[in-house]
Amino acid sequence: MDDRPGSRPITPEATIGPFYPGIFLTHTPQDLWTVAPLVAHHPEGQPVVLALRFIDALKQPVPSLVVEFWQANASGRYRHPRDRSAAPLDPQFDGFARLRTADDGTMRFCTIRPGAHPVMEREALRLARPEPVEGRARSGQALPERVGEGGVLRAPHLRLTIFASGIDRLVTQIFFDDEPLNASDPVLNSIPEASVRDRLIAVRRRAADARGPVEYALDVVLRGEGETPFFDDWY
């Protein structure tokens, strides 16, 4: 082995890591629609596929990103001790998955379309902040008059946490373009510009067949022109 200076390649710079491919993804769900390969049961709700592509400031694909998904079930209930709503839990659905992008920066996430749910306490506090967050989606709108059960509803959405070399993490949400509640969702509408809000809205594609899941597509731009809105990590 040649140990002379400059004879070996430089290790890429990263603020977190190192990561060993596959090690911490092995036992984490990556398909929330399929409970188990040989089990016929599925979670309640409409099956959907999210076809996502992650790109950088140069519009190049970003491989090996780790993306965590967190969502409510079809009734709008999170499997979390702080969600004390009357909506039922689904025994076939935990609502959490972790996937990695392929070499072309893409991933396909099979899940169910989440239900709407009332604004949660922490979301209400976040929305009530009077000042915008520099470099993140602005959230300085007034707190809705009614919060909680029977009050303002969050539109169906998925929460994403993105981990990558060179960054700590990025947090965002994804909505569905055929959802009427988008027009009143307080988090989505905390972003003043409609063209920027559109960067969080996945576009519906036709299902492969009448029995297949509905597919939605979205590009997630990590930096630069057309950057996806990212939020403070306050969930």
C-alpha atoms as a PDB file:
ATOM      1  CA  MET A   1       0.000   0.000   0.000  1.00  0.00           C
ATOM      2  CA  ASP A   2       1.268   3.443  -0.942  1.00  0.00           C
ATOM      3  CA  ASP A   3       1.169   5.644   2.195  1.00  0.00           C
ATOM      4  CA  ARG A   4       2.746   8.722   0.652  1.00  0.00           C
ATOM      5  CA  PRO A   5       0.788  11.978   1.169  1.00  0.00           C
ATOM      6  CA  GLY A   6      -1.756  12.487  -1.570  1.00  0.00           C
ATOM      7  CA  SER A   7      -1.594   8.871  -2.707  1.00  0.00           C
ATOM      8  CA  ARG A   8      -5.019   7.947  -1.298  1.00  0.00           C
ATOM      9  CA  PRO A   9      -8.424   9.550  -2.023  1.00  0.00           C
ATOM     10  CA  ILE A  10      -9.789  12.138   0.380  1.00  0.00           C
ATOM     11  CA  THR A  11     -12.699  11.092   2.555  1.00  0.00           C
ATOM     12  CA  PRO A  12     -15.769  13.277   1.796  1.00  0.00           C
ATOM     13  CA  GLU A  13     -16.438  15.915   4.445  1.00  0.00           C
ATOM     14  CA  ALA A  14     -19.525  15.340   6.611  1.00  0.00           C
ATOM     15  CA  THR A  15     -20.838  16.808   9.844  1.00  0.00           C
ATOM     16  CA  ILE A  16     -22.601  13.608  10.846  1.00  0.00           C
ATOM     17  CA  GLY A  17     -21.715   9.984  10.276  1.00  0.00           C
ATOM     18  CA  PRO A  18     -20.099   7.796   9.181  1.00  0.00           C
ATOM     19  CA  PHE A  19     -23.057   5.776   7.935  1.00  0.00           C
ATOM     20  CA  TYR A  20     -22.968   2.089   7.101  1.00  0.00           C
ATOM     21  CA  PRO A  21     -25.416   1.309   4.284  1.00  0.00           C
ATOM     22  CA  GLY A  22     -28.372  -0.779   5.377  1.00  0.00           C
ATOM     23  CA  ILE A  23     -27.420  -1.168   9.013  1.00  0.00           C
ATOM     24  CA  PHE A  24     -30.066   1.026  10.607  1.00  0.00           C
ATOM     25  CA  LEU A  25     -32.661   0.523   7.870  1.00  0.00           C
ATOM     26  CA  THR A  26     -32.897  -3.239   8.201  1.00  0.00           C
ATOM     27  CA  HIS A  27     -35.596  -3.428  10.858  1.00  0.00           C
ATOM     28  CA  THR A  28     -37.465  -0.220  10.033  1.00  0.00           C
ATOM     29  CA  PRO A  29     -40.681  -0.381   7.992  1.00  0.00           C
ATOM     30  CA  GLN A  30     -40.268   0.842   4.413  1.00  0.00           C
ATOM     31  CA  ASP A  31     -43.750  -0.059   3.173  1.00  0.00           C
ATOM     32  CA  LEU A  32     -46.688   0.843   5.413  1.00  0.00           C
ATOM     33  CA  TRP A  33     -49.320  -0.654   3.104  1.00  0.00           C
ATOM     34  CA  THR A  34     -47.923  -4.197   3.219  1.00  0.00           C
ATOM     35  CA  VAL A  35     -48.136  -5.409   6.818  1.00  0.00           C
ATOM     36  CA  ALA A  36     -46.092  -8.551   6.054  1.00  0.00           C
ATOM     37  CA  PRO A  37     -45.237 -10.414   2.832  1.00  0.00           C
ATOM     38  CA  LEU A  38     -47.567 -13.334   3.569  1.00  0.00           C
ATOM     39  CA  VAL A  39     -50.309 -11.435   5.403  1.00  0.00           C
ATOM     40  CA  ALA A  40     -53.423 -10.440   3.464  1.00  0.00           C
ATOM     41  CA  HIS A  41     -54.481  -7.728   5.924  1.00  0.00           C
ATOM     42  CA  HIS A  42     -53.813  -4.083   5.088  1.00  0.00           C
ATOM     43  CA  PRO A  43     -54.271  -0.887   7.058  1.00  0.00           C
ATOM     44  CA  GLU A  44     -57.551   0.947   6.683  1.00  0.00           C
ATOM     45  CA  GLY A  45     -57.632   3.744   4.129  1.00  0.00           C
ATOM     46  CA  GLN A  46     -56.773   4.490   0.528  1.00  0.00           C
ATOM     47  CA  PRO A  47     -53.432   3.037  -0.594  1.00  0.00           C
ATOM     48  CA  VAL A  48     -51.108   5.599  -2.128  1.00  0.00           C
ATOM     49  CA  VAL A  49     -47.584   5.673  -3.504  1.00  0.00           C
ATOM     50  CA  LEU A  50     -45.356   8.723  -3.143  1.00  0.00           C
ATOM     51  CA  ALA A  51     -42.838   8.926  -5.988  1.00  0.00           C
ATOM     52  CA  LEU A  52     -40.252  11.384  -4.689  1.00  0.00           C
ATOM     53  CA  ARG A  53     -37.081  12.738  -6.272  1.00  0.00           C
ATOM     54  CA  PHE A  54     -34.477  14.578  -4.195  1.00  0.00           C
ATOM     55  CA  ILE A  55     -32.238  17.036  -6.048  1.00  0.00           C
ATOM     56  CA  ASP A  56     -29.588  19.601  -5.110  1.00  0.00           C
ATOM     57  CA  ALA A  57     -28.941  23.215  -6.153  1.00  0.00           C
ATOM     58  CA  LEU A  58     -27.563  22.027  -9.500  1.00  0.00           C
ATOM     59  CA  LYS A  59     -30.670  19.899 -10.153  1.00  0.00           C
ATOM     60  CA  GLN A  60     -28.568  16.773  -9.678  1.00  0.00           C
ATOM     61  CA  PRO A  61     -29.978  13.721  -7.865  1.00  0.00           C
ATOM     62  CA  VAL A  62     -28.943  13.170  -4.252  1.00  0.00           C
ATOM     63  CA  PRO A  63     -28.350   9.461  -3.502  1.00  0.00           C
ATOM     64  CA  SER A  64     -28.231   7.764  -0.091  1.00  0.00           C
ATOM     65  CA  LEU A  65     -30.379  10.287   1.738  1.00  0.00           C
ATOM     66  CA  VAL A  66     -32.183   8.802   4.706  1.00  0.00           C
ATOM     67  CA  VAL A  67     -35.776  10.037   4.929  1.00  0.00           C
ATOM     68  CA  GLU A  68     -38.092   9.387   7.871  1.00  0.00           C
ATOM     69  CA  PHE A  69     -41.853   9.564   7.336  1.00  0.00           C
ATOM     70  CA  TRP A  70     -44.357  10.179  10.140  1.00  0.00           C
ATOM     71  CA  GLN A  71     -48.097  10.366   9.542  1.00  0.00           C
ATOM     72  CA  ALA A  72     -51.561   9.921  10.979  1.00  0.00           C
ATOM     73  CA  ASN A  73     -53.682   6.901  10.090  1.00  0.00           C
ATOM     74  CA  ALA A  74     -56.764   7.096   7.876  1.00  0.00           C
ATOM     75  CA  SER A  75     -58.815   8.371  10.826  1.00  0.00           C
ATOM     76  CA  GLY A  76     -56.376  11.192  11.546  1.00  0.00           C
ATOM     77  CA  ARG A  77     -54.853   9.561  14.655  1.00  0.00           C
ATOM     78  CA  TYR A  78     -51.111   9.347  15.379  1.00  0.00           C
ATOM     79  CA  ARG A  79     -49.734   6.377  17.255  1.00  0.00           C
ATOM     80  CA  HIS A  80     -48.216   8.621  19.887  1.00  0.00           C
ATOM     81  CA  PRO A  81     -49.048   9.071  23.600  1.00  0.00           C
ATOM     82  CA  ARG A  82     -49.683  12.791  23.130  1.00  0.00           C
ATOM     83  CA  ASP A  83     -52.421  12.163  20.599  1.00  0.00           C
ATOM     84  CA  ARG A  84     -55.406  11.718  22.921  1.00  0.00           C
ATOM     85  CA  SER A  85     -58.097  12.280  20.323  1.00  0.00           C
ATOM     86  CA  ALA A  86     -61.176  10.089  20.110  1.00  0.00           C
ATOM     87  CA  ALA A  87     -60.197   8.865  16.631  1.00  0.00           C
ATOM     88  CA  PRO A  88     -59.435   5.118  16.602  1.00  0.00           C
ATOM     89  CA  LEU A  89     -56.001   3.594  16.278  1.00  0.00           C
ATOM     90  CA  ASP A  90     -55.416   1.127  13.461  1.00  0.00           C
ATOM     91  CA  PRO A  91     -53.796  -2.119  14.723  1.00  0.00           C
ATOM     92  CA  GLN A  92     -52.257  -2.603  11.265  1.00  0.00           C
ATOM     93  CA  PHE A  93     -50.674   0.846  11.051  1.00  0.00           C
ATOM     94  CA  ASP A  94     -47.875   2.510  13.041  1.00  0.00           C
ATOM     95  CA  GLY A  95     -47.377   5.524  10.769  1.00  0.00           C
ATOM     96  CA  PHE A  96     -43.561   5.568  10.785  1.00  0.00           C
ATOM     97  CA  ALA A  97     -41.137   4.513   8.034  1.00  0.00           C
ATOM     98  CA  ARG A  98     -37.527   5.150   7.050  1.00  0.00           C
ATOM     99  CA  LEU A  99     -36.270   4.911   3.469  1.00  0.00           C
ATOM    100  CA  ARG A 100     -33.093   5.664   1.528  1.00  0.00           C
ATOM    101  CA  THR A 101     -32.863   7.369  -1.861  1.00  0.00           C
ATOM    102  CA  ALA A 102     -31.533   5.361  -4.798  1.00  0.00           C
ATOM    103  CA  ASP A 103     -28.568   6.372  -6.946  1.00  0.00           C
ATOM    104  CA  ASP A 104     -30.864   8.536  -9.068  1.00  0.00           C
ATOM    105  CA  GLY A 105     -32.167  10.376  -5.979  1.00  0.00           C
ATOM    106  CA  THR A 106     -35.586   8.733  -6.084  1.00  0.00           C
ATOM    107  CA  MET A 107     -37.691   6.665  -3.718  1.00  0.00           C
ATOM    108  CA  ARG A 108     -41.158   5.141  -3.808  1.00  0.00           C
ATOM    109  CA  PHE A 109     -43.033   5.079  -0.537  1.00  0.00           C
ATOM    110  CA  CYS A 110     -46.105   2.846  -0.243  1.00  0.00           C
ATOM    111  CA  THR A 111     -48.528   3.893   2.472  1.00  0.00           C
ATOM    112  CA  ILE A 112     -52.126   5.030   3.023  1.00  0.00           C
ATOM    113  CA  ARG A 113     -53.509   8.503   2.629  1.00  0.00           C
ATOM    114  CA  PRO A 114     -53.589  10.036   6.130  1.00  0.00           C
ATOM    115  CA  GLY A 115     -56.770  11.519   7.538  1.00  0.00           C
ATOM    116  CA  ALA A 116     -57.276  15.111   8.560  1.00  0.00           C
ATOM    117  CA  HIS A 117     -56.807  15.928  12.238  1.00  0.00           C
ATOM    118  CA  PRO A 118     -57.291  18.938  14.524  1.00  0.00           C
ATOM    119  CA  VAL A 119     -54.408  21.342  15.063  1.00  0.00           C
ATOM    120  CA  MET A 120     -52.261  19.946  17.851  1.00  0.00           C
ATOM    121  CA  GLU A 121     -51.087  21.880  20.878  1.00  0.00           C
ATOM    122  CA  ARG A 122     -47.477  22.252  19.756  1.00  0.00           C
ATOM    123  CA  GLU A 123     -48.578  23.265  16.280  1.00  0.00           C
ATOM    124  CA  ALA A 124     -50.841  25.911  17.801  1.00  0.00           C
ATOM    125  CA  LEU A 125     -47.966  27.360  19.804  1.00  0.00           C
ATOM    126  CA  ARG A 126     -45.744  27.362  16.727  1.00  0.00           C
ATOM    127  CA  LEU A 127     -48.342  29.097  14.587  1.00  0.00           C
ATOM    128  CA  ALA A 128     -48.779  31.782  17.244  1.00  0.00           C
ATOM    129  CA  ARG A 129     -45.143  32.924  17.005  1.00  0.00           C
ATOM    130  CA  PRO A 130     -45.165  36.566  15.961  1.00  0.00           C
ATOM    131  CA  GLU A 131     -41.915  36.591  13.980  1.00  0.00           C
ATOM    132  CA  PRO A 132     -40.878  34.678  10.851  1.00  0.00           C
ATOM    133  CA  VAL A 133     -38.068  32.158  11.015  1.00  0.00           C
ATOM    134  CA  GLU A 134     -35.091  33.196   8.898  1.00  0.00           C
ATOM    135  CA  GLY A 135     -34.465  30.740   6.084  1.00  0.00           C
ATOM    136  CA  ARG A 136     -37.546  28.712   6.873  1.00  0.00           C
ATOM    137  CA  ALA A 137     -41.224  28.896   6.059  1.00  0.00           C
ATOM    138  CA  ARG A 138     -42.808  31.949   7.650  1.00  0.00           C
ATOM    139  CA  SER A 139     -45.296  31.160  10.387  1.00  0.00           C
ATOM    140  CA  GLY A 140     -46.297  34.555  11.704  1.00  0.00           C
ATOM    141  CA  GLN A 141     -50.009  34.332  11.071  1.00  0.00           C
ATOM    142  CA  ALA A 142     -52.504  34.729  13.886  1.00  0.00           C
ATOM    143  CA  LEU A 143     -53.480  31.675  15.874  1.00  0.00           C
ATOM    144  CA  PRO A 144     -56.801  30.245  14.646  1.00  0.00           C
ATOM    145  CA  GLU A 145     -59.712  31.004  16.931  1.00  0.00           C
ATOM    146  CA  ARG A 146     -60.577  27.352  17.447  1.00  0.00           C
ATOM    147  CA  VAL A 147     -57.935  24.723  18.062  1.00  0.00           C
ATOM    148  CA  GLY A 148     -58.385  21.055  18.901  1.00  0.00           C
ATOM    149  CA  GLU A 149     -61.350  18.710  18.671  1.00  0.00           C
ATOM    150  CA  GLY A 150     -64.065  20.195  16.489  1.00  0.00           C
ATOM    151  CA  GLY A 151     -61.828  23.136  15.535  1.00  0.00           C
ATOM    152  CA  VAL A 152     -59.383  23.939  12.738  1.00  0.00           C
ATOM    153  CA  LEU A 153     -58.298  20.858  10.809  1.00  0.00           C
ATOM    154  CA  ARG A 154     -54.910  20.051   9.372  1.00  0.00           C
ATOM    155  CA  ALA A 155     -55.134  18.844   5.789  1.00  0.00           C
ATOM    156  CA  PRO A 156     -53.911  15.280   5.197  1.00  0.00           C
ATOM    157  CA  HIS A 157     -50.117  15.405   5.085  1.00  0.00           C
ATOM    158  CA  LEU A 158     -46.926  13.509   5.801  1.00  0.00           C
ATOM    159  CA  ARG A 159     -44.068  14.812   7.925  1.00  0.00           C
ATOM    160  CA  LEU A 160     -40.538  14.202   6.652  1.00  0.00           C
ATOM    161  CA  THR A 161     -37.169  14.392   8.356  1.00  0.00           C
ATOM    162  CA  ILE A 162     -34.267  14.253   5.895  1.00  0.00           C
ATOM    163  CA  PHE A 163     -30.737  13.238   6.904  1.00  0.00           C
ATOM    164  CA  ALA A 164     -27.781  13.767   4.581  1.00  0.00           C
ATOM    165  CA  SER A 165     -24.015  14.112   4.547  1.00  0.00           C
ATOM    166  CA  GLY A 166     -23.044  17.669   5.393  1.00  0.00           C
ATOM    167  CA  ILE A 167     -26.321  18.597   7.103  1.00  0.00           C
ATOM    168  CA  ASP A 168     -27.891  17.795  10.437  1.00  0.00           C
ATOM    169  CA  ARG A 169     -31.462  17.350   9.272  1.00  0.00           C
ATOM    170  CA  LEU A 170     -34.197  19.045   7.296  1.00  0.00           C
ATOM    171  CA  VAL A 171     -37.849  18.913   8.248  1.00  0.00           C
ATOM    172  CA  THR A 172     -40.786  19.456   5.914  1.00  0.00           C
ATOM    173  CA  GLN A 173     -44.302  18.264   5.101  1.00  0.00           C
ATOM    174  CA  ILE A 174     -45.982  16.899   1.972  1.00  0.00           C
ATOM    175  CA  PHE A 175     -49.604  17.536   0.978  1.00  0.00           C
ATOM    176  CA  PHE A 176     -51.863  16.154  -1.796  1.00  0.00           C
ATOM    177  CA  ASP A 177     -52.966  18.288  -4.719  1.00  0.00           C
ATOM    178  CA  ASP A 178     -56.537  16.914  -4.778  1.00  0.00           C
ATOM    179  CA  GLU A 179     -57.235  17.771  -1.116  1.00  0.00           C
ATOM    180  CA  PRO A 180     -59.795  20.582  -0.504  1.00  0.00           C
ATOM    181  CA  LEU A 181     -58.518  21.192   3.050  1.00  0.00           C
ATOM    182  CA  ASN A 182     -55.236  22.526   1.634  1.00  0.00           C
ATOM    183  CA  ALA A 183     -57.002  25.859   1.196  1.00  0.00           C
ATOM    184  CA  SER A 184     -57.429  26.242   4.967  1.00  0.00           C
ATOM    185  CA  ASP A 185     -54.487  24.292   6.385  1.00  0.00           C
ATOM    186  CA  PRO A 186     -52.768  26.705   8.817  1.00  0.00           C
ATOM    187  CA  VAL A 187     -49.249  25.331   8.332  1.00  0.00           C
ATOM    188  CA  LEU A 188     -49.399  25.264   4.542  1.00  0.00           C
ATOM    189  CA  ASN A 189     -50.908  28.747   4.483  1.00  0.00           C
ATOM    190  CA  SER A 190     -48.259  30.124   6.827  1.00  0.00           C
ATOM    191  CA  ILE A 191     -46.206  30.352   3.607  1.00  0.00           C
ATOM    192  CA  PRO A 192     -47.300  33.622   1.952  1.00  0.00           C
ATOM    193  CA  GLU A 193     -46.416  32.877  -1.690  1.00  0.00           C
ATOM    194  CA  ALA A 194     -48.665  30.417  -3.522  1.00  0.00           C
ATOM    195  CA  SER A 195     -45.813  29.356  -5.818  1.00  0.00           C
ATOM    196  CA  VAL A 196     -43.729  28.385  -2.783  1.00  0.00           C
ATOM    197  CA  ARG A 197     -46.624  26.525  -1.159  1.00  0.00           C
ATOM    198  CA  ASP A 198     -46.876  24.465  -4.355  1.00  0.00           C
ATOM    199  CA  ARG A 199     -43.414  23.045  -3.640  1.00  0.00           C
ATOM    200  CA  LEU A 200     -44.970  21.052  -0.776  1.00  0.00           C
ATOM    201  CA  ILE A 201     -47.864  19.645  -2.789  1.00  0.00           C
ATOM    202  CA  ALA A 202     -47.486  16.272  -4.494  1.00  0.00           C
ATOM    203  CA  VAL A 203     -49.240  15.990  -7.855  1.00  0.00           C
ATOM    204  CA  ARG A 204     -51.602  13.113  -8.463  1.00  0.00           C
ATOM    205  CA  ARG A 205     -50.880  10.617 -11.220  1.00  0.00           C
ATOM    206  CA  ARG A 206     -53.372   8.135 -12.614  1.00  0.00           C
ATOM    207  CA  ALA A 207     -53.369   4.758 -10.886  1.00  0.00           C
ATOM    208  CA  ALA A 208     -51.753   1.911 -12.803  1.00  0.00           C
ATOM    209  CA  ASP A 209     -55.125   0.118 -12.856  1.00  0.00           C
ATOM    210  CA  ALA A 210     -58.501   0.376 -11.203  1.00  0.00           C
ATOM    211  CA  ARG A 211     -57.348  -1.684  -8.234  1.00  0.00           C
ATOM    212  CA  GLY A 212     -53.919  -0.127  -7.849  1.00  0.00           C
ATOM    213  CA  PRO A 213     -52.900   2.637  -5.460  1.00  0.00           C
ATOM    214  CA  VAL A 214     -53.085   6.279  -6.444  1.00  0.00           C
ATOM    215  CA  GLU A 215     -49.623   7.677  -7.137  1.00  0.00           C
ATOM    216  CA  TYR A 216     -48.429  11.179  -6.270  1.00  0.00           C
ATOM    217  CA  ALA A 217     -45.154  12.720  -7.450  1.00  0.00           C
ATOM    218  CA  LEU A 218     -43.006  15.513  -6.042  1.00  0.00           C
ATOM    219  CA  ASP A 219     -39.474  16.862  -6.400  1.00  0.00           C
ATOM    220  CA  VAL A 220     -37.810  17.848  -3.125  1.00  0.00           C
ATOM    221  CA  VAL A 221     -35.164  20.510  -3.792  1.00  0.00           C
ATOM    222  CA  LEU A 222     -32.662  20.613  -0.957  1.00  0.00           C
ATOM    223  CA  ARG A 223     -31.045  23.934  -1.814  1.00  0.00           C
ATOM    224  CA  GLY A 224     -30.978  26.792  -4.302  1.00  0.00           C
ATOM    225  CA  GLU A 225     -33.564  27.968  -6.809  1.00  0.00           C
ATOM    226  CA  GLY A 226     -36.943  26.369  -6.187  1.00  0.00           C
ATOM    227  CA  GLU A 227     -35.860  25.132  -2.743  1.00  0.00           C
ATOM    228  CA  THR A 228     -38.498  23.184  -0.852  1.00  0.00           C
ATOM    229  CA  PRO A 229     -39.784  25.026   2.247  1.00  0.00           C
ATOM    230  CA  PHE A 230     -38.255  23.575   5.403  1.00  0.00           C
ATOM    231  CA  PHE A 231     -39.562  24.150   8.911  1.00  0.00           C
ATOM    232  CA  ASP A 232     -38.110  24.443  12.382  1.00  0.00           C
ATOM    233  CA  ASP A 233     -37.863  20.984  13.955  1.00  0.00           C
ATOM    234  CA  TRP A 234     -40.717  21.541  16.388  1.00  0.00           C
ATOM    235  CA  TYR A 235     -42.869  18.437  15.996  1.00  0.00           C
END
